[in-house]
Amino acid sequence: MECVGTENGNKIDNTVSNHTKEEKSDFKEPSECKIPKTEISEVTESSNDEKKVDSTSELLDFKVVYNKNKHDVSAPSDSTVAELKKKLQGLLGVPESLQKLMYKGLLQDNQTLANVGITKGAKIMLVGSTLNDVLAVSSVTKQDVAELENPANTKEPLCRQKIHKKVLDKGVPEDAMPGIRNLKEGLPPVPLSGMLNKHGGKVRLTFKLENDQLWLSTKERTEKLPMGSIKSIVSEPIEGHEEYHIMGLQLGPTEASRYWVYWVPAQYIDAIKDAVLGKWQYF
């Protein structure tokens, strides 16, 4: 083993020194991390950008015209039409699903107020019906309510009660869909038509399951009812014509809130209840 002297007289083992150098050369510096660092300044800039986006939202004061009356409404410019409809439901009592908002054309639910060009002072037209309006088309009168609450009538079949008998006495409508007793069928691919309302007017039922709506159509108008607004459904066969039923849609808390439909084909009654109330309804 060779020893080498130093200026201080110390001896260093060259062999050990050489090994140490070789061992050091075997270690490699770690490569630079490829994941980009997120600097604090970048986070601050990002949050500032978000604040800038929020700061662009402006509170708009505009008017909504409904039934020839003007209503003052305020909403952020970045709120959607759907959010505005929800607000109007609380203010005016028109269900969201029954609303149509017009401003330079029909507004879509996913649009924002800013996107459709609504500014301060703008006028938006609301078209829609309250549930009270729907009931007015086929609701019962005070005299009818008194008859319904009569204990004698509560035990009497619907088809014998005076308020229903005056419609049924006109007979089966010529364009009524064929009815089949003692049979259950699913809803047909076409609307149910050829039925009558309390006033003897023609009624058509369209089930918009994709929108969770039931459309009640008469000659004058179409009411688009949310399925959830129908609390229950009552029905009874019509004596002498058991292939057809009288059906009442419960839209409010009392019997006066029922929308009556006559000459409903019996084979579709269960399917109607399933579609509107769900398969696990309780009777």
Protein backbone atom coordinates (compact mmCIF):
# COMPACT_ATOMS: atom_id res chain seq x y z
CA MET A 1 0.00 0.00 0.00
CA GLU A 2 1.47 3.32 -1.04
CA CYS A 3 1.44 6.18 1.38
CA VAL A 4 1.94 9.76 0.31
CA GLY A 5 3.19 12.45 2.57
CA THR A 6 1.59 15.82 2.88
CA GLU A 7 2.95 19.15 3.77
CA ASN A 8 1.72 18.65 7.32
CA GLY A 9 3.44 15.34 7.53
CA ASN A 10 0.24 13.37 7.45
CA LYS A 11 0.01 10.28 5.34
CA ILE A 12 -3.05 9.56 3.20
CA ASP A 13 -3.90 6.21 1.87
CA ASN A 14 -4.11 6.65 -1.92
CA THR A 15 -6.07 3.46 -2.28
CA VAL A 16 -8.78 4.61 0.12
CA SER A 17 -8.82 8.01 -1.54
CA ASN A 18 -9.23 6.47 -4.99
CA HIS A 19 -12.10 4.23 -3.80
CA THR A 20 -13.86 7.19 -2.26
CA LYS A 21 -13.69 9.08 -5.53
CA GLU A 22 -15.02 6.10 -7.45
CA GLU A 23 -17.92 5.64 -5.00
CA LYS A 24 -18.81 9.30 -5.29
CA SER A 25 -18.81 9.05 -9.04
CA ASP A 26 -21.39 6.23 -8.84
CA PHE A 27 -24.01 8.58 -7.35
CA LYS A 28 -25.99 10.57 -9.86
CA GLU A 29 -27.69 13.86 -9.26
CA PRO A 30 -31.51 13.42 -9.24
CA SER A 31 -33.11 14.56 -12.47
CA GLU A 32 -35.24 17.65 -12.34
CA CYS A 33 -38.90 16.98 -11.44
CA LYS A 34 -41.04 17.16 -14.55
CA ILE A 35 -44.24 18.18 -12.67
CA PRO A 36 -44.61 21.92 -13.12
CA LYS A 37 -44.55 23.86 -9.90
CA THR A 38 -47.48 26.00 -8.94
CA GLU A 39 -46.16 29.27 -7.73
CA ILE A 40 -48.02 31.21 -5.08
CA SER A 41 -48.18 34.13 -7.48
CA GLU A 42 -50.00 31.91 -10.01
CA VAL A 43 -52.60 30.87 -7.41
CA THR A 44 -53.13 34.49 -6.49
CA GLU A 45 -53.54 35.46 -10.14
CA SER A 46 -56.05 32.59 -10.64
CA SER A 47 -58.17 33.66 -7.69
CA ASN A 48 -58.00 37.23 -8.92
CA ASP A 49 -59.27 36.06 -12.31
CA GLU A 50 -62.21 34.33 -10.61
CA LYS A 51 -62.99 37.53 -8.77
CA LYS A 52 -62.90 39.39 -12.05
CA VAL A 53 -65.44 36.94 -13.54
CA ASP A 54 -67.73 37.37 -10.53
CA SER A 55 -67.36 41.14 -10.67
CA THR A 56 -68.70 41.16 -14.24
CA SER A 57 -72.13 40.02 -12.94
CA GLU A 58 -74.47 42.98 -12.74
CA LEU A 59 -77.73 43.27 -10.84
CA LEU A 60 -80.43 43.99 -13.40
CA ASP A 61 -83.70 45.75 -12.65
CA PHE A 62 -86.31 44.96 -15.30
CA LYS A 63 -90.05 44.43 -15.71
CA VAL A 64 -91.99 41.23 -16.28
CA VAL A 65 -95.35 41.70 -18.00
CA TYR A 66 -97.95 39.10 -17.03
CA ASN A 67 -101.69 39.35 -17.68
CA LYS A 68 -101.24 42.99 -18.75
CA ASN A 69 -99.70 43.83 -15.36
CA LYS A 70 -96.09 44.94 -14.94
CA HIS A 71 -93.99 43.52 -12.13
CA ASP A 72 -90.60 44.89 -11.02
CA VAL A 73 -88.00 42.14 -10.82
CA SER A 74 -84.26 42.12 -10.03
CA ALA A 75 -81.79 39.37 -10.92
CA PRO A 76 -78.03 39.02 -11.59
CA SER A 77 -77.05 39.23 -15.24
CA ASP A 78 -75.32 35.83 -15.05
CA SER A 79 -78.41 34.03 -13.69
CA THR A 80 -80.13 31.60 -16.04
CA VAL A 81 -83.63 31.75 -17.44
CA ALA A 82 -84.46 28.64 -15.38
CA GLU A 83 -83.43 30.48 -12.20
CA LEU A 84 -85.57 33.44 -13.21
CA LYS A 85 -88.57 31.14 -13.74
CA LYS A 86 -88.11 29.72 -10.25
CA LYS A 87 -88.13 33.24 -8.86
CA LEU A 88 -91.26 34.16 -10.82
CA GLN A 89 -93.04 31.07 -9.54
CA GLY A 90 -92.66 32.44 -6.02
CA LEU A 91 -93.70 35.96 -7.05
CA LEU A 92 -96.61 35.24 -9.38
CA GLY A 93 -97.71 31.68 -8.60
CA VAL A 94 -97.10 30.37 -12.11
CA PRO A 95 -95.33 26.95 -11.96
CA GLU A 96 -91.93 26.90 -13.69
CA SER A 97 -93.05 24.20 -16.11
CA LEU A 98 -96.04 26.29 -17.21
CA GLN A 99 -93.98 29.41 -17.93
CA LYS A 100 -92.88 30.78 -21.29
CA LEU A 101 -90.64 33.86 -21.19
CA MET A 102 -90.43 36.04 -24.28
CA TYR A 103 -87.76 38.64 -25.04
CA LYS A 104 -86.96 39.05 -28.71
CA GLY A 105 -88.14 35.46 -29.03
CA LEU A 106 -88.68 32.49 -26.73
CA LEU A 107 -86.03 32.21 -23.99
CA GLN A 108 -84.39 28.85 -23.27
CA ASP A 109 -83.79 27.63 -19.72
CA ASN A 110 -80.02 27.28 -20.08
CA GLN A 111 -79.46 30.81 -21.38
CA THR A 112 -78.27 33.59 -19.07
CA LEU A 113 -79.90 36.99 -18.93
CA ALA A 114 -76.72 38.56 -20.28
CA ASN A 115 -76.57 36.12 -23.20
CA VAL A 116 -80.07 37.01 -24.39
CA GLY A 117 -79.35 40.73 -24.17
CA ILE A 118 -81.51 41.65 -21.18
CA THR A 119 -80.41 44.97 -19.69
CA LYS A 120 -81.71 47.34 -17.04
CA GLY A 121 -85.21 48.55 -17.83
CA ALA A 122 -85.96 45.67 -20.23
CA LYS A 123 -89.47 44.23 -20.50
CA ILE A 124 -89.94 40.46 -20.50
CA MET A 125 -93.27 38.89 -21.42
CA LEU A 126 -94.48 35.96 -19.29
CA VAL A 127 -97.03 33.56 -20.76
CA GLY A 128 -98.41 30.86 -18.49
CA SER A 129 -101.26 29.68 -16.32
CA THR A 130 -101.53 29.28 -12.58
CA LEU A 131 -103.02 26.08 -11.20
CA ASN A 132 -106.11 28.11 -10.34
CA ASP A 133 -106.47 28.97 -14.03
CA VAL A 134 -106.29 25.29 -14.92
CA LEU A 135 -108.92 24.43 -12.36
CA ALA A 136 -111.20 27.19 -13.62
CA VAL A 137 -111.53 25.34 -16.93
CA SER A 138 -113.11 22.29 -15.33
CA SER A 139 -113.57 22.99 -11.64
CA VAL A 140 -116.84 22.67 -9.81
CA THR A 141 -119.10 25.50 -8.68
CA LYS A 142 -120.17 26.23 -5.10
CA GLN A 143 -123.40 24.40 -5.78
CA ASP A 144 -121.43 21.41 -7.06
CA VAL A 145 -119.25 21.46 -3.94
CA ALA A 146 -122.35 21.38 -1.75
CA GLU A 147 -123.58 18.34 -3.64
CA LEU A 148 -120.22 16.61 -3.36
CA GLU A 149 -120.16 17.18 0.40
CA ASN A 150 -123.66 15.81 0.79
CA PRO A 151 -123.28 12.54 2.79
CA ALA A 152 -125.80 10.83 0.51
CA ASN A 153 -123.66 11.62 -2.53
CA THR A 154 -120.42 10.35 -1.00
CA LYS A 155 -121.83 6.81 -1.02
CA GLU A 156 -123.35 7.17 -4.45
CA PRO A 157 -121.34 6.14 -7.53
CA LEU A 158 -119.83 9.08 -9.40
CA CYS A 159 -121.83 8.39 -12.53
CA ARG A 160 -125.11 8.87 -10.60
CA GLN A 161 -124.15 12.18 -9.03
CA LYS A 162 -125.84 15.17 -10.61
CA ILE A 163 -122.65 17.07 -11.49
CA HIS A 164 -121.36 14.12 -13.53
CA LYS A 165 -124.66 12.77 -14.82
CA LYS A 166 -125.36 15.89 -16.88
CA VAL A 167 -122.19 15.20 -18.89
CA LEU A 168 -122.72 11.45 -19.16
CA ASP A 169 -126.33 11.81 -20.30
CA LYS A 170 -125.02 13.15 -23.60
CA GLY A 171 -123.76 9.67 -24.38
CA VAL A 172 -120.45 8.27 -25.59
CA PRO A 173 -118.67 10.82 -27.82
CA GLU A 174 -118.58 9.80 -31.48
CA ASP A 175 -114.79 10.10 -31.59
CA ALA A 176 -114.16 8.30 -28.28
CA MET A 177 -111.29 5.81 -28.35
CA PRO A 178 -112.41 2.16 -28.02
CA GLY A 179 -112.71 1.06 -24.40
CA ILE A 180 -112.09 -2.49 -23.16
CA ARG A 181 -113.25 -3.71 -19.77
CA ASN A 182 -111.29 -6.16 -17.58
CA LEU A 183 -108.04 -5.46 -19.42
CA LYS A 184 -104.92 -3.48 -18.56
CA GLU A 185 -102.80 -1.93 -21.29
CA GLY A 186 -99.86 0.44 -21.36
CA LEU A 187 -100.26 3.96 -22.65
CA PRO A 188 -100.60 4.10 -26.44
CA PRO A 189 -97.96 5.95 -28.51
CA VAL A 190 -100.55 8.62 -29.37
CA PRO A 191 -102.42 11.06 -27.08
CA LEU A 192 -105.65 9.89 -25.45
CA SER A 193 -108.45 11.75 -27.22
CA GLY A 194 -112.24 11.78 -27.63
CA MET A 195 -112.89 12.49 -23.94
CA LEU A 196 -114.91 15.29 -22.31
CA ASN A 197 -114.41 17.76 -19.45
CA LYS A 198 -117.03 19.00 -16.99
CA HIS A 199 -118.40 21.48 -19.50
CA GLY A 200 -118.80 18.83 -22.19
CA GLY A 201 -115.82 20.14 -24.14
CA LYS A 202 -113.38 17.81 -25.88
CA VAL A 203 -110.21 16.94 -23.92
CA ARG A 204 -106.99 15.31 -25.08
CA LEU A 205 -104.35 13.92 -22.70
CA THR A 206 -100.71 13.84 -23.81
CA PHE A 207 -98.12 12.21 -21.55
CA LYS A 208 -94.74 13.93 -21.93
CA LEU A 209 -92.80 11.50 -19.77
CA GLU A 210 -89.43 12.93 -20.85
CA ASN A 211 -90.51 16.29 -19.41
CA ASP A 212 -92.43 14.80 -16.47
CA GLN A 213 -95.56 16.60 -17.68
CA LEU A 214 -99.19 15.85 -18.48
CA TRP A 215 -100.69 18.07 -21.19
CA LEU A 216 -104.42 18.78 -20.93
CA SER A 217 -105.58 20.08 -24.29
CA THR A 218 -108.96 21.62 -25.09
CA LYS A 219 -110.08 23.54 -28.14
CA GLU A 220 -109.10 26.79 -26.46
CA ARG A 221 -105.78 26.00 -24.78
CA THR A 222 -103.19 23.45 -23.66
CA GLU A 223 -102.18 23.27 -20.01
CA LYS A 224 -98.80 21.67 -19.31
CA LEU A 225 -99.08 20.25 -15.81
CA PRO A 226 -96.04 18.96 -13.90
CA MET A 227 -96.71 15.39 -12.81
CA GLY A 228 -95.87 16.41 -9.25
CA SER A 229 -98.74 18.91 -9.19
CA ILE A 230 -101.26 16.04 -9.45
CA LYS A 231 -101.71 14.76 -5.89
CA SER A 232 -103.92 11.76 -6.63
CA ILE A 233 -106.27 10.26 -9.21
CA VAL A 234 -109.75 8.87 -8.57
CA SER A 235 -111.69 6.85 -11.11
CA GLU A 236 -114.84 4.75 -11.38
CA PRO A 237 -116.43 2.75 -14.20
CA ILE A 238 -119.47 4.32 -15.86
CA GLU A 239 -122.54 2.17 -15.22
CA GLY A 240 -123.83 0.66 -18.42
CA HIS A 241 -120.54 1.52 -20.15
CA GLU A 242 -117.98 -0.17 -17.89
CA GLU A 243 -115.41 -0.06 -20.68
CA TYR A 244 -115.10 3.66 -19.85
CA HIS A 245 -114.32 5.53 -16.63
CA ILE A 246 -114.85 8.90 -14.98
CA MET A 247 -111.44 10.14 -13.84
CA GLY A 248 -110.61 13.00 -11.46
CA LEU A 249 -107.13 14.58 -11.27
CA GLN A 250 -106.53 16.06 -7.81
CA LEU A 251 -104.76 19.39 -8.39
CA GLY A 252 -105.47 20.99 -5.02
CA PRO A 253 -106.42 20.17 -1.42
CA THR A 254 -110.21 19.79 -1.80
CA GLU A 255 -112.73 18.02 -4.01
CA ALA A 256 -113.35 21.34 -5.71
CA SER A 257 -109.75 21.11 -6.96
CA ARG A 258 -110.37 18.06 -9.12
CA TYR A 259 -110.15 18.21 -12.90
CA TRP A 260 -112.76 15.76 -14.19
CA VAL A 261 -112.37 13.80 -17.40
CA TYR A 262 -115.16 11.62 -18.81
CA TRP A 263 -115.15 8.58 -21.11
CA VAL A 264 -111.57 7.49 -20.37
CA PRO A 265 -110.93 4.01 -21.87
CA ALA A 266 -110.87 1.55 -18.95
CA GLN A 267 -107.80 -0.37 -20.17
CA TYR A 268 -105.59 2.72 -19.73
CA ILE A 269 -106.63 3.76 -16.20
CA ASP A 270 -103.85 1.87 -14.38
CA ALA A 271 -101.24 3.02 -16.89
CA ILE A 272 -102.33 6.65 -16.39
CA LYS A 273 -101.99 6.32 -12.60
CA ASP A 274 -98.58 4.66 -12.96
CA ALA A 275 -97.32 7.37 -15.31
CA VAL A 276 -98.52 10.27 -13.16
CA LEU A 277 -98.17 8.97 -9.60
CA GLY A 278 -95.54 6.26 -9.99
CA LYS A 279 -95.91 2.50 -9.80
CA TRP A 280 -95.65 2.41 -5.99
CA GLN A 281 -98.58 4.72 -5.31
CA TYR A 282 -100.83 4.12 -2.33
CA PHE A 283 -104.61 4.14 -2.68
